[in-house]
PDB file of N, CA and C in Angstrom:
ATOM      1  N   MET A   1      47.684-135.360  65.176  1.00  0.00           N
ATOM      2  CA  MET A   1      47.706-134.655  63.886  1.00  0.00           C
ATOM      3  C   MET A   1      49.102-135.061  63.322  1.00  0.00           C
ATOM      4  N   ALA A   2      50.232-135.085  64.007  1.00  0.00           N
ATOM      5  CA  ALA A   2      51.388-135.361  63.493  1.00  0.00           C
ATOM      6  C   ALA A   2      51.465-136.761  62.951  1.00  0.00           C
ATOM      7  N   ILE A   3      50.880-137.628  63.791  1.00  0.00           N
ATOM      8  CA  ILE A   3      50.879-139.068  63.256  1.00  0.00           C
ATOM      9  C   ILE A   3      49.987-139.211  61.954  1.00  0.00           C
ATOM     10  N   LYS A   4      48.853-138.515  62.079  1.00  0.00           N
ATOM     11  CA  LYS A   4      47.909-138.548  60.946  1.00  0.00           C
ATOM     12  C   LYS A   4      48.688-138.166  59.606  1.00  0.00           C
ATOM     13  N   ASN A   5      49.280-136.970  59.566  1.00  0.00           N
ATOM     14  CA  ASN A   5      50.053-136.564  58.547  1.00  0.00           C
ATOM     15  C   ASN A   5      51.401-137.006  58.348  1.00  0.00           C
ATOM     16  N   LYS A   6      51.704-137.953  59.128  1.00  0.00           N
ATOM     17  CA  LYS A   6      53.092-138.629  58.993  1.00  0.00           C
ATOM     18  C   LYS A   6      54.166-137.572  59.089  1.00  0.00           C
ATOM     19  N   LEU A   7      54.163-136.758  60.036  1.00  0.00           N
ATOM     20  CA  LEU A   7      55.245-135.878  60.339  1.00  0.00           C
ATOM     21  C   LEU A   7      56.178-136.295  61.264  1.00  0.00           C
ATOM     22  N   PHE A   8      57.407-135.719  61.394  1.00  0.00           N
ATOM     23  CA  PHE A   8      58.196-135.977  62.442  1.00  0.00           C
ATOM     24  C   PHE A   8      57.647-135.758  63.870  1.00  0.00           C
ATOM     25  N   ILE A   9      57.644-136.609  64.869  1.00  0.00           N
ATOM     26  CA  ILE A   9      57.150-136.313  66.094  1.00  0.00           C
ATOM     27  C   ILE A   9      57.869-135.282  66.875  1.00  0.00           C
ATOM     28  N   ASP A  10      59.255-135.267  66.913  1.00  0.00           N
ATOM     29  CA  ASP A  10      60.070-134.571  67.824  1.00  0.00           C
ATOM     30  C   ASP A  10      59.676-133.130  67.779  1.00  0.00           C
ATOM     31  N   PRO A  11      59.713-132.477  66.697  1.00  0.00           N
ATOM     32  CA  PRO A  11      59.328-130.937  66.748  1.00  0.00           C
ATOM     33  C   PRO A  11      57.927-130.791  67.341  1.00  0.00           C
ATOM     34  N   VAL A  12      57.069-131.658  67.282  1.00  0.00           N
ATOM     35  CA  VAL A  12      55.766-131.466  67.822  1.00  0.00           C
ATOM     36  C   VAL A  12      55.759-131.706  69.325  1.00  0.00           C
ATOM     37  N   LEU A  13      56.481-132.724  69.724  1.00  0.00           N
ATOM     38  CA  LEU A  13      56.812-132.747  71.224  1.00  0.00           C
ATOM     39  C   LEU A  13      57.453-131.643  71.775  1.00  0.00           C
ATOM     40  N   ASP A  14      58.385-131.257  71.037  1.00  0.00           N
ATOM     41  CA  ASP A  14      59.114-129.990  71.581  1.00  0.00           C
ATOM     42  C   ASP A  14      58.244-128.841  71.715  1.00  0.00           C
ATOM     43  N   HIS A  15      57.315-128.568  70.861  1.00  0.00           N
ATOM     44  CA  HIS A  15      56.427-127.452  70.753  1.00  0.00           C
ATOM     45  C   HIS A  15      55.385-127.482  71.947  1.00  0.00           C
ATOM     46  N   LEU A  16      54.982-128.880  72.095  1.00  0.00           N
ATOM     47  CA  LEU A  16      53.924-129.100  73.258  1.00  0.00           C
ATOM     48  C   LEU A  16      54.587-129.026  74.547  1.00  0.00           C
ATOM     49  N   GLY A  17      55.802-129.435  74.676  1.00  0.00           N
ATOM     50  CA  GLY A  17      56.555-129.274  75.819  1.00  0.00           C
ATOM     51  C   GLY A  17      56.710-128.043  76.366  1.00  0.00           C
ATOM     52  N   LEU A  18      56.905-126.955  75.438  1.00  0.00           N
ATOM     53  CA  LEU A  18      57.069-125.671  75.770  1.00  0.00           C
ATOM     54  C   LEU A  18      55.825-125.015  76.470  1.00  0.00           C
ATOM     55  N   ALA A  19      54.667-125.540  76.065  1.00  0.00           N
ATOM     56  CA  ALA A  19      53.416-125.140  76.522  1.00  0.00           C
ATOM     57  C   ALA A  19      53.126-125.741  77.999  1.00  0.00           C
ATOM     58  N   THR A  20      53.610-126.843  78.096  1.00  0.00           N
ATOM     59  CA  THR A  20      53.304-127.527  79.410  1.00  0.00           C
ATOM     60  C   THR A  20      54.492-127.655  80.489  1.00  0.00           C
ATOM     61  N   ARG A  21      55.510-126.914  80.143  1.00  0.00           N
ATOM     62  CA  ARG A  21      56.722-127.007  80.919  1.00  0.00           C
ATOM     63  C   ARG A  21      56.415-126.403  82.370  1.00  0.00           C
ATOM     64  N   ILE A  22      56.967-126.983  83.386  1.00  0.00           N
ATOM     65  CA  ILE A  22      56.857-126.546  84.582  1.00  0.00           C
ATOM     66  C   ILE A  22      57.752-125.304  84.837  1.00  0.00           C
ATOM     67  N   LYS A  23      57.174-124.207  85.288  1.00  0.00           N
ATOM     68  CA  LYS A  23      58.079-123.030  85.508  1.00  0.00           C
ATOM     69  C   LYS A  23      58.391-122.875  86.933  1.00  0.00           C
ATOM     70  N   GLY A  24      59.490-122.337  87.135  1.00  0.00           N
ATOM     71  CA  GLY A  24      60.036-122.119  88.615  1.00  0.00           C
ATOM     72  C   GLY A  24      59.096-121.068  89.338  1.00  0.00           C
ATOM     73  N   SER A  25      59.233-121.113  90.657  1.00  0.00           N
ATOM     74  CA  SER A  25      58.599-120.307  91.446  1.00  0.00           C
ATOM     75  C   SER A  25      59.117-118.801  91.267  1.00  0.00           C
ATOM     76  N   THR A  26      58.228-117.900  91.551  1.00  0.00           N
ATOM     77  CA  THR A  26      58.575-116.377  91.431  1.00  0.00           C
ATOM     78  C   THR A  26      58.617-115.865  92.870  1.00  0.00           C
ATOM     79  N   CYS A  27      59.128-114.732  93.060  1.00  0.00           N
ATOM     80  CA  CYS A  27      59.110-113.967  94.342  1.00  0.00           C
ATOM     81  C   CYS A  27      57.665-113.872  94.858  1.00  0.00           C
ATOM     82  N   TYR A  28      56.813-113.419  93.923  1.00  0.00           N
ATOM     83  CA  TYR A  28      55.421-113.185  94.354  1.00  0.00           C
ATOM     84  C   TYR A  28      54.725-114.538  94.665  1.00  0.00           C
ATOM     85  N   ASN A  29      54.925-115.645  93.955  1.00  0.00           N
ATOM     86  CA  ASN A  29      54.187-116.811  94.189  1.00  0.00           C
ATOM     87  C   ASN A  29      54.775-117.316  95.537  1.00  0.00           C
ATOM     88  N   ASN A  30      56.049-117.207  95.824  1.00  0.00           N
ATOM     89  CA  ASN A  30      56.497-117.563  97.205  1.00  0.00           C
ATOM     90  C   ASN A  30      55.876-116.894  98.281  1.00  0.00           C
ATOM     91  N   PHE A  31      55.891-115.472  97.962  1.00  0.00           N
ATOM     92  CA  PHE A  31      55.343-114.525  99.030  1.00  0.00           C
ATOM     93  C   PHE A  31      53.831-115.009  99.410  1.00  0.00           C
ATOM     94  N   CYS A  32      53.005-115.312  98.225  1.00  0.00           N
ATOM     95  CA  CYS A  32      51.649-115.633  98.612  1.00  0.00           C
ATOM     96  C   CYS A  32      51.452-117.046  99.271  1.00  0.00           C
ATOM     97  N   GLN A  33      52.566-117.879  99.043  1.00  0.00           N
ATOM     98  CA  GLN A  33      52.421-119.146  99.677  1.00  0.00           C
ATOM     99  C   GLN A  33      52.871-119.294 100.974  1.00  0.00           C
ATOM    100  N   TYR A  34      53.991-118.622 101.415  1.00  0.00           N
ATOM    101  CA  TYR A  34      54.678-118.763 102.611  1.00  0.00           C
ATOM    102  C   TYR A  34      54.499-117.590 103.581  1.00  0.00           C
ATOM    103  N   ASP A  35      54.202-116.403 103.165  1.00  0.00           N
ATOM    104  CA  ASP A  35      53.973-115.335 104.055  1.00  0.00           C
ATOM    105  C   ASP A  35      52.659-115.700 104.869  1.00  0.00           C
ATOM    106  N   PRO A  36      52.668-115.603 106.306  1.00  0.00           N
ATOM    107  CA  PRO A  36      51.683-115.926 107.053  1.00  0.00           C
ATOM    108  C   PRO A  36      50.297-115.112 106.740  1.00  0.00           C
ATOM    109  N   GLU A  37      50.441-113.922 106.594  1.00  0.00           N
ATOM    110  CA  GLU A  37      49.242-113.008 106.400  1.00  0.00           C
ATOM    111  C   GLU A  37      48.795-113.336 104.976  1.00  0.00           C
ATOM    112  N   ALA A  38      49.554-113.268 104.110  1.00  0.00           N
ATOM    113  CA  ALA A  38      49.170-113.560 102.531  1.00  0.00           C
ATOM    114  C   ALA A  38      48.648-114.954 102.447  1.00  0.00           C
ATOM    115  N   SER A  39      49.087-115.919 103.099  1.00  0.00           N
ATOM    116  CA  SER A  39      48.687-117.227 102.909  1.00  0.00           C
ATOM    117  C   SER A  39      47.277-117.516 103.448  1.00  0.00           C
ATOM    118  N   GLN A  40      46.995-116.636 104.630  1.00  0.00           N
ATOM    119  CA  GLN A  40      45.700-116.633 105.141  1.00  0.00           C
ATOM    120  C   GLN A  40      44.454-116.181 104.131  1.00  0.00           C
ATOM    121  N   ILE A  41      45.006-115.201 103.440  1.00  0.00           N
ATOM    122  CA  ILE A  41      44.182-114.585 102.322  1.00  0.00           C
ATOM    123  C   ILE A  41      43.960-115.546 101.283  1.00  0.00           C
ATOM    124  N   ASN A  42      45.109-116.183 100.806  1.00  0.00           N
ATOM    125  CA  ASN A  42      45.069-116.961  99.664  1.00  0.00           C
ATOM    126  C   ASN A  42      44.161-118.382  99.880  1.00  0.00           C
ATOM    127  N   VAL A  43      44.043-118.732 101.048  1.00  0.00           N
ATOM    128  CA  VAL A  43      43.203-119.928 101.428  1.00  0.00           C
ATOM    129  C   VAL A  43      41.771-119.604 101.733  1.00  0.00           C
ATOM    130  N   ASP A  44      41.484-118.161 101.952  1.00  0.00           N
ATOM    131  CA  ASP A  44      40.057-117.853 102.225  1.00  0.00           C
ATOM    132  C   ASP A  44      39.177-117.927 101.148  1.00  0.00           C
ATOM    133  N   LYS A  45      38.367-119.028 101.129  1.00  0.00           N
ATOM    134  CA  LYS A  45      37.509-119.245  99.852  1.00  0.00           C
ATOM    135  C   LYS A  45      36.147-118.468 100.064  1.00  0.00           C
ATOM    136  N   SER A  46      35.930-117.789 101.174  1.00  0.00           N
ATOM    137  CA  SER A  46      34.811-117.054 101.188  1.00  0.00           C
ATOM    138  C   SER A  46      34.815-115.729 100.313  1.00  0.00           C
ATOM    139  N   LYS A  47      35.957-115.369  99.947  1.00  0.00           N
ATOM    140  CA  LYS A  47      36.344-114.204  99.075  1.00  0.00           C
ATOM    141  C   LYS A  47      36.306-114.644  97.619  1.00  0.00           C
ATOM    142  N   SER A  48      36.105-113.982  96.756  1.00  0.00           N
ATOM    143  CA  SER A  48      36.278-114.051  95.431  1.00  0.00           C
ATOM    144  C   SER A  48      37.734-114.120  95.033  1.00  0.00           C
ATOM    145  N   SER A  49      38.167-114.820  94.019  1.00  0.00           N
ATOM    146  CA  SER A  49      39.593-114.956  93.640  1.00  0.00           C
ATOM    147  C   SER A  49      40.103-113.475  93.286  1.00  0.00           C
ATOM    148  N   GLN A  50      39.223-112.740  92.619  1.00  0.00           N
ATOM    149  CA  GLN A  50      39.705-111.299  92.458  1.00  0.00           C
ATOM    150  C   GLN A  50      39.996-110.500  93.596  1.00  0.00           C
ATOM    151  N   LEU A  51      39.167-110.640  94.539  1.00  0.00           N
ATOM    152  CA  LEU A  51      39.311-109.818  95.694  1.00  0.00           C
ATOM    153  C   LEU A  51      40.605-110.334  96.566  1.00  0.00           C
ATOM    154  N   ARG A  52      40.806-111.639  96.604  1.00  0.00           N
ATOM    155  CA  ARG A  52      41.908-112.147  97.182  1.00  0.00           C
ATOM    156  C   ARG A  52      43.109-111.735  96.510  1.00  0.00           C
ATOM    157  N   ALA A  53      43.087-111.747  95.142  1.00  0.00           N
ATOM    158  CA  ALA A  53      44.400-111.294  94.419  1.00  0.00           C
ATOM    159  C   ALA A  53      44.683-109.818  94.663  1.00  0.00           C
ATOM    160  N   HIS A  54      43.581-109.035  94.777  1.00  0.00           N
ATOM    161  CA  HIS A  54      43.736-107.567  95.041  1.00  0.00           C
ATOM    162  C   HIS A  54      44.484-107.428  96.344  1.00  0.00           C
ATOM    163  N   GLU A  55      43.892-108.042  97.478  1.00  0.00           N
ATOM    164  CA  GLU A  55      44.450-107.865  98.719  1.00  0.00           C
ATOM    165  C   GLU A  55      45.865-108.602  98.887  1.00  0.00           C
ATOM    166  N   MET A  56      46.156-109.539  98.190  1.00  0.00           N
ATOM    167  CA  MET A  56      47.557-109.956  98.207  1.00  0.00           C
ATOM    168  C   MET A  56      48.527-109.142  97.365  1.00  0.00           C
ATOM    169  N   GLY A  57      48.061-108.356  96.405  1.00  0.00           N
ATOM    170  CA  GLY A  57      48.736-107.495  95.714  1.00  0.00           C
ATOM    171  C   GLY A  57      49.090-106.207  96.427  1.00  0.00           C
ATOM    172  N   ILE A  58      48.168-105.810  97.497  1.00  0.00           N
ATOM    173  CA  ILE A  58      48.344-104.722  98.149  1.00  0.00           C
ATOM    174  C   ILE A  58      49.368-104.990  99.191  1.00  0.00           C
ATOM    175  N   LEU A  59      49.421-106.253  99.714  1.00  0.00           N
ATOM    176  CA  LEU A  59      50.478-106.663 100.802  1.00  0.00           C
ATOM    177  C   LEU A  59      51.867-106.769 100.020  1.00  0.00           C
ATOM    178  N   TRP A  60      51.833-107.246  98.812  1.00  0.00           N
ATOM    179  CA  TRP A  60      53.036-107.387  98.178  1.00  0.00           C
ATOM    180  C   TRP A  60      53.770-105.997  97.772  1.00  0.00           C
ATOM    181  N   GLN A  61      52.864-104.954  97.573  1.00  0.00           N
ATOM    182  CA  GLN A  61      53.439-103.504  97.260  1.00  0.00           C
ATOM    183  C   GLN A  61      53.973-103.014  98.601  1.00  0.00           C
ATOM    184  N   LYS A  62      53.577-103.434  99.692  1.00  0.00           N
ATOM    185  CA  LYS A  62      54.072-103.019 100.991  1.00  0.00           C
ATOM    186  C   LYS A  62      55.426-103.607 101.289  1.00  0.00           C
ATOM    187  N   GLN A  63      55.645-104.599 100.623  1.00  0.00           N
ATOM    188  CA  GLN A  63      57.189-105.378 100.976  1.00  0.00           C
ATOM    189  C   GLN A  63      58.257-104.422 100.465  1.00  0.00           C
ATOM    190  N   SER A  64      59.296-104.211 101.270  1.00  0.00           N
ATOM    191  CA  SER A  64      60.375-103.306 100.926  1.00  0.00           C
ATOM    192  C   SER A  64      61.422-104.206 100.273  1.00  0.00           C
ATOM    193  N   ASP A  65      61.840-105.316 100.717  1.00  0.00           N
ATOM    194  CA  ASP A  65      62.745-106.280 100.160  1.00  0.00           C
ATOM    195  C   ASP A  65      62.113-107.452  99.447  1.00  0.00           C
ATOM    196  N   LYS A  66      61.757-107.294  98.178  1.00  0.00           N
ATOM    197  CA  LYS A  66      61.164-108.258  97.492  1.00  0.00           C
ATOM    198  C   LYS A  66      62.075-109.505  97.213  1.00  0.00           C
ATOM    199  N   ASP A  67      63.352-109.307  97.038  1.00  0.00           N
ATOM    200  CA  ASP A  67      64.194-110.321  96.512  1.00  0.00           C
ATOM    201  C   ASP A  67      64.468-111.369  97.645  1.00  0.00           C
ATOM    202  N   ARG A  68      64.202-111.079  98.841  1.00  0.00           N
ATOM    203  CA  ARG A  68      64.411-112.016  99.871  1.00  0.00           C
ATOM    204  C   ARG A  68      63.488-113.297  99.722  1.00  0.00           C
ATOM    205  N   TRP A  69      62.493-113.101  99.008  1.00  0.00           N
ATOM    206  CA  TRP A  69      61.534-114.350  98.727  1.00  0.00           C
ATOM    207  C   TRP A  69      62.118-115.278  97.737  1.00  0.00           C
ATOM    208  N   TYR A  70      63.175-115.047  97.212  1.00  0.00           N
ATOM    209  CA  TYR A  70      63.971-116.111  96.465  1.00  0.00           C
ATOM    210  C   TYR A  70      64.848-116.862  97.215  1.00  0.00           C
ATOM    211  N   ASP A  71      65.320-116.321  98.446  1.00  0.00           N
ATOM    212  CA  ASP A  71      66.130-117.032  99.301  1.00  0.00           C
ATOM    213  C   ASP A  71      65.616-118.135  99.990  1.00  0.00           C
ATOM    214  N   LEU A  72      66.168-119.369  99.718  1.00  0.00           N
ATOM    215  CA  LEU A  72      65.648-120.604 100.218  1.00  0.00           C
ATOM    216  C   LEU A  72      65.848-120.576 101.816  1.00  0.00           C
ATOM    217  N   ASP A  73      66.791-120.197 102.464  1.00  0.00           N
ATOM    218  CA  ASP A  73      67.126-120.058 103.662  1.00  0.00           C
ATOM    219  C   ASP A  73      65.972-119.238 104.443  1.00  0.00           C
ATOM    220  N   PHE A  74      65.653-118.196 103.817  1.00  0.00           N
ATOM    221  CA  PHE A  74      64.605-117.368 104.362  1.00  0.00           C
ATOM    222  C   PHE A  74      63.198-118.037 104.287  1.00  0.00           C
ATOM    223  N   LEU A  75      62.950-118.782 103.226  1.00  0.00           N
ATOM    224  CA  LEU A  75      61.710-119.517 103.159  1.00  0.00           C
ATOM    225  C   LEU A  75      61.642-120.564 104.315  1.00  0.00           C
ATOM    226  N   ASP A  76      62.739-121.331 104.473  1.00  0.00           N
ATOM    227  CA  ASP A  76      62.931-122.322 105.399  1.00  0.00           C
ATOM    228  C   ASP A  76      62.532-121.800 106.807  1.00  0.00           C
ATOM    229  N   SER A  77      62.835-120.609 107.057  1.00  0.00           N
ATOM    230  CA  SER A  77      62.575-119.910 108.366  1.00  0.00           C
ATOM    231  C   SER A  77      61.122-119.746 108.746  1.00  0.00           C
ATOM    232  N   LEU A  78      60.355-119.701 107.684  1.00  0.00           N
ATOM    233  CA  LEU A  78      58.921-119.305 107.771  1.00  0.00           C
ATOM    234  C   LEU A  78      58.211-120.766 108.072  1.00  0.00           C
ATOM    235  N   PRO A  79      56.966-120.518 108.710  1.00  0.00           N
ATOM    236  CA  PRO A  79      56.073-121.776 108.962  1.00  0.00           C
ATOM    237  C   PRO A  79      55.694-122.253 107.601  1.00  0.00           C
ATOM    238  N   ASN A  80      55.669-123.690 107.727  1.00  0.00           N
ATOM    239  CA  ASN A  80      55.078-124.432 106.489  1.00  0.00           C
ATOM    240  C   ASN A  80      53.744-124.350 106.328  1.00  0.00           C
ATOM    241  N   PRO A  81      53.249-123.717 105.287  1.00  0.00           N
ATOM    242  CA  PRO A  81      51.793-123.515 105.027  1.00  0.00           C
ATOM    243  C   PRO A  81      51.008-124.739 104.862  1.00  0.00           C
ATOM    244  N   TYR A  82      51.713-125.812 104.560  1.00  0.00           N
ATOM    245  CA  TYR A  82      50.875-127.212 104.053  1.00  0.00           C
ATOM    246  C   TYR A  82      50.583-127.820 105.562  1.00  0.00           C
ATOM    247  N   GLU A  83      51.493-127.696 106.528  1.00  0.00           N
ATOM    248  CA  GLU A  83      51.158-128.308 107.771  1.00  0.00           C
ATOM    249  C   GLU A  83      49.925-127.595 108.478  1.00  0.00           C
ATOM    250  N   ALA A  84      49.814-126.354 108.293  1.00  0.00           N
ATOM    251  CA  ALA A  84      48.596-125.568 108.881  1.00  0.00           C
ATOM    252  C   ALA A  84      47.395-125.961 108.113  1.00  0.00           C
ATOM    253  N   SER A  85      47.437-126.145 106.872  1.00  0.00           N
ATOM    254  CA  SER A  85      46.120-126.541 106.098  1.00  0.00           C
ATOM    255  C   SER A  85      45.864-128.012 106.441  1.00  0.00           C
ATOM    256  N   ALA A  86      46.814-128.880 106.751  1.00  0.00           N
ATOM    257  CA  ALA A  86      46.551-130.318 107.095  1.00  0.00           C
ATOM    258  C   ALA A  86      45.906-130.271 108.362  1.00  0.00           C
ATOM    259  N   LYS A  87      46.466-129.418 109.367  1.00  0.00           N
ATOM    260  CA  LYS A  87      45.766-129.521 110.731  1.00  0.00           C
ATOM    261  C   LYS A  87      44.422-128.970 110.704  1.00  0.00           C
ATOM    262  N   GLN A  88      44.092-127.920 109.879  1.00  0.00           N
ATOM    263  CA  GLN A  88      42.736-127.328 109.697  1.00  0.00           C
ATOM    264  C   GLN A  88      41.907-128.415 109.135  1.00  0.00           C
ATOM    265  N   ALA A  89      42.249-129.196 108.071  1.00  0.00           N
ATOM    266  CA  ALA A  89      41.472-130.219 107.453  1.00  0.00           C
ATOM    267  C   ALA A  89      41.299-131.428 108.520  1.00  0.00           C
ATOM    268  N   GLN A  90      42.120-131.658 109.309  1.00  0.00           N
ATOM    269  CA  GLN A  90      42.028-132.728 110.438  1.00  0.00           C
ATOM    270  C   GLN A  90      40.922-132.292 111.464  1.00  0.00           C
ATOM    271  N   GLU A  91      40.984-131.073 111.813  1.00  0.00           N
ATOM    272  CA  GLU A  91      40.029-130.422 112.750  1.00  0.00           C
ATOM    273  C   GLU A  91      38.597-130.487 112.229  1.00  0.00           C
ATOM    274  N   GLU A  92      38.560-130.094 110.885  1.00  0.00           N
ATOM    275  CA  GLU A  92      37.281-130.073 110.323  1.00  0.00           C
ATOM    276  C   GLU A  92      36.711-131.534 110.098  1.00  0.00           C
ATOM    277  N   ALA A  93      37.573-132.472 109.918  1.00  0.00           N
ATOM    278  CA  ALA A  93      37.178-133.830 109.815  1.00  0.00           C
ATOM    279  C   ALA A  93      36.529-134.349 111.218  1.00  0.00           C
ATOM    280  N   GLU A  94      37.240-133.958 112.251  1.00  0.00           N
ATOM    281  CA  GLU A  94      36.988-134.310 113.545  1.00  0.00           C
ATOM    282  C   GLU A  94      35.577-133.761 113.876  1.00  0.00           C
ATOM    283  N   ALA A  95      35.396-132.437 113.522  1.00  0.00           N
ATOM    284  CA  ALA A  95      34.083-131.739 113.939  1.00  0.00           C
ATOM    285  C   ALA A  95      32.967-132.435 113.000  1.00  0.00           C
ATOM    286  N   SER A  96      33.204-132.792 111.808  1.00  0.00           N
ATOM    287  CA  SER A  96      32.216-133.277 110.888  1.00  0.00           C
ATOM    288  C   SER A  96      31.731-134.696 111.355  1.00  0.00           C
ATOM    289  N   THR A  97      32.598-135.450 112.139  1.00  0.00           N
ATOM    290  CA  THR A  97      32.247-136.861 112.674  1.00  0.00           C
ATOM    291  C   THR A  97      31.173-136.668 113.730  1.00  0.00           C
ATOM    292  N   HIS A  98      31.086-135.629 114.501  1.00  0.00           N
ATOM    293  CA  HIS A  98      30.199-135.528 115.618  1.00  0.00           C
ATOM    294  C   HIS A  98      28.741-135.104 115.048  1.00  0.00           C
ATOM    295  N   LYS A  99      28.674-134.582 113.852  1.00  0.00           N
ATOM    296  CA  LYS A  99      27.366-133.954 113.320  1.00  0.00           C
ATOM    297  C   LYS A  99      26.534-135.395 113.018  1.00  0.00           C
ATOM    298  N   LYS A 100      25.177-135.061 113.019  1.00  0.00           N
ATOM    299  CA  LYS A 100      24.346-136.152 112.729  1.00  0.00           C
ATOM    300  C   LYS A 100      24.306-136.255 111.123  1.00  0.00           C
ATOM    301  N   LYS A 101      24.266-137.423 110.699  1.00  0.00           N
ATOM    302  CA  LYS A 101      24.138-137.808 109.247  1.00  0.00           C
ATOM    303  C   LYS A 101      22.772-137.812 108.908  1.00  0.00           C
ATOM    304  N   LYS A 102      22.436-137.511 107.622  1.00  0.00           N
ATOM    305  CA  LYS A 102      21.093-137.740 107.121  1.00  0.00           C
ATOM    306  C   LYS A 102      20.663-139.110 107.062  1.00  0.00           C
ATOM    307  N   SER A 103      19.506-139.316 107.322  1.00  0.00           N
ATOM    308  CA  SER A 103      19.204-140.808 107.285  1.00  0.00           C
ATOM    309  C   SER A 103      18.913-141.325 105.811  1.00  0.00           C
ATOM    310  N   TYR A 104      19.147-142.586 105.607  1.00  0.00           N
ATOM    311  CA  TYR A 104      19.151-143.105 104.287  1.00  0.00           C
ATOM    312  C   TYR A 104      17.734-143.194 103.858  1.00  0.00           C
ATOM    313  N   VAL A 105      17.293-142.694 102.827  1.00  0.00           N
ATOM    314  CA  VAL A 105      15.983-142.804 102.198  1.00  0.00           C
ATOM    315  C   VAL A 105      15.918-143.743 101.099  1.00  0.00           C
ATOM    316  N   ASN A 106      15.113-144.910 101.347  1.00  0.00           N
ATOM    317  CA  ASN A 106      15.009-145.953 100.429  1.00  0.00           C
ATOM    318  C   ASN A 106      14.082-145.523  99.254  1.00  0.00           C
ATOM    319  N   MET A 107      14.727-145.237  98.031  1.00  0.00           N
ATOM    320  CA  MET A 107      13.832-144.684  96.899  1.00  0.00           C
ATOM    321  C   MET A 107      12.943-145.815  96.418  1.00  0.00           C
ATOM    322  N   LYS A 108      13.177-147.070  96.595  1.00  0.00           N
ATOM    323  CA  LYS A 108      12.488-148.259  96.157  1.00  0.00           C
ATOM    324  C   LYS A 108      12.310-148.136  94.577  1.00  0.00           C
ATOM    325  N   PRO A 109      13.380-148.585  93.868  1.00  0.00           N
ATOM    326  CA  PRO A 109      13.379-148.323  92.509  1.00  0.00           C
ATOM    327  C   PRO A 109      12.430-149.018  91.677  1.00  0.00           C
ATOM    328  N   ASP A 110      12.062-150.282  92.184  1.00  0.00           N
ATOM    329  CA  ASP A 110      11.138-151.185  91.571  1.00  0.00           C
ATOM    330  C   ASP A 110       9.796-150.604  91.543  1.00  0.00           C
ATOM    331  N   GLN A 111       9.495-149.941  92.708  1.00  0.00           N
ATOM    332  CA  GLN A 111       8.000-149.306  92.661  1.00  0.00           C
ATOM    333  C   GLN A 111       8.003-148.107  91.690  1.00  0.00           C
ATOM    334  N   TRP A 112       9.110-147.386  91.641  1.00  0.00           N
ATOM    335  CA  TRP A 112       9.077-146.219  90.813  1.00  0.00           C
ATOM    336  C   TRP A 112       9.068-146.786  89.339  1.00  0.00           C
ATOM    337  N   ALA A 113       9.710-147.748  89.026  1.00  0.00           N
ATOM    338  CA  ALA A 113       9.729-148.311  87.628  1.00  0.00           C
ATOM    339  C   ALA A 113       8.364-148.707  87.267  1.00  0.00           C
ATOM    340  N   ASN A 114       7.721-149.373  88.200  1.00  0.00           N
ATOM    341  CA  ASN A 114       6.285-149.756  87.806  1.00  0.00           C
ATOM    342  C   ASN A 114       5.531-148.613  87.674  1.00  0.00           C
ATOM    343  N   LYS A 115       5.450-147.515  88.448  1.00  0.00           N
ATOM    344  CA  LYS A 115       4.757-146.324  88.468  1.00  0.00           C
ATOM    345  C   LYS A 115       5.098-145.533  86.956  1.00  0.00           C
ATOM    346  N   LEU A 116       6.278-145.518  86.630  1.00  0.00           N
ATOM    347  CA  LEU A 116       6.682-144.926  85.302  1.00  0.00           C
ATOM    348  C   LEU A 116       6.123-145.735  84.211  1.00  0.00           C
ATOM    349  N   LYS A 117       6.146-146.959  84.248  1.00  0.00           N
ATOM    350  CA  LYS A 117       5.590-147.893  83.203  1.00  0.00           C
ATOM    351  C   LYS A 117       4.079-147.634  83.109  1.00  0.00           C
ATOM    352  N   LYS A 118       3.320-147.435  84.174  1.00  0.00           N
ATOM    353  CA  LYS A 118       1.956-147.201  84.214  1.00  0.00           C
ATOM    354  C   LYS A 118       1.781-145.853  83.529  1.00  0.00           C
ATOM    355  N   LEU A 119       2.408-144.921  83.976  1.00  0.00           N
ATOM    356  CA  LEU A 119       2.192-143.496  83.385  1.00  0.00           C
ATOM    357  C   LEU A 119       2.441-143.478  81.902  1.00  0.00           C
ATOM    358  N   SER A 120       3.486-144.315  81.434  1.00  0.00           N
ATOM    359  CA  SER A 120       3.883-144.174  79.991  1.00  0.00           C
ATOM    360  C   SER A 120       2.678-144.958  79.157  1.00  0.00           C
ATOM    361  N   SER A 121       2.246-146.067  79.775  1.00  0.00           N
ATOM    362  CA  SER A 121       1.123-146.732  79.095  1.00  0.00           C
ATOM    363  C   SER A 121      -0.115-145.920  79.148  1.00  0.00           C
ATOM    364  N   ALA A 122      -0.347-145.214  80.133  1.00  0.00           N
ATOM    365  CA  ALA A 122      -1.660-144.431  80.273  1.00  0.00           C
ATOM    366  C   ALA A 122      -1.575-143.249  79.255  1.00  0.00           C
ATOM    367  N   TYR A 123      -0.538-142.649  79.013  1.00  0.00           N
ATOM    368  CA  TYR A 123      -0.351-141.431  78.268  1.00  0.00           C
ATOM    369  C   TYR A 123       0.160-141.820  76.904  1.00  0.00           C
ATOM    370  N   GLY A 124       0.457-143.014  76.624  1.00  0.00           N
ATOM    371  CA  GLY A 124       0.922-143.359  75.284  1.00  0.00           C
ATOM    372  C   GLY A 124       2.298-142.686  75.007  1.00  0.00           C
ATOM    373  N   VAL A 125       3.103-142.706  75.984  1.00  0.00           N
ATOM    374  CA  VAL A 125       4.467-142.170  75.737  1.00  0.00           C
ATOM    375  C   VAL A 125       5.533-143.285  75.470  1.00  0.00           C
TER     376      VAL A 125
END
């Protein structure tokens, strides 16, 4: 729109940048990601997102010292949530390799095309 109306592009890019700017982490986000109990709730996709958020909110309210979730040394002392999810994905991949795969069904597209042509000519479509 700025180019179409021949406006200066810098104010437009500044405005768009404010909307897409990456924001730093918050105590609550660090808690949801790094706390072992909260991260298990967060990755459980069998529950709805509203239910997961509600359960994590209850856990967050039980926290007495919420400022410690800003401390990087404290976060480093916790287990890495990404390693656990990578191990889980690897285990699922290994388990899925042992399952039987569905057999390939040849749809025979040439035969289907001929049938459709005959139907269209028969019914005048």
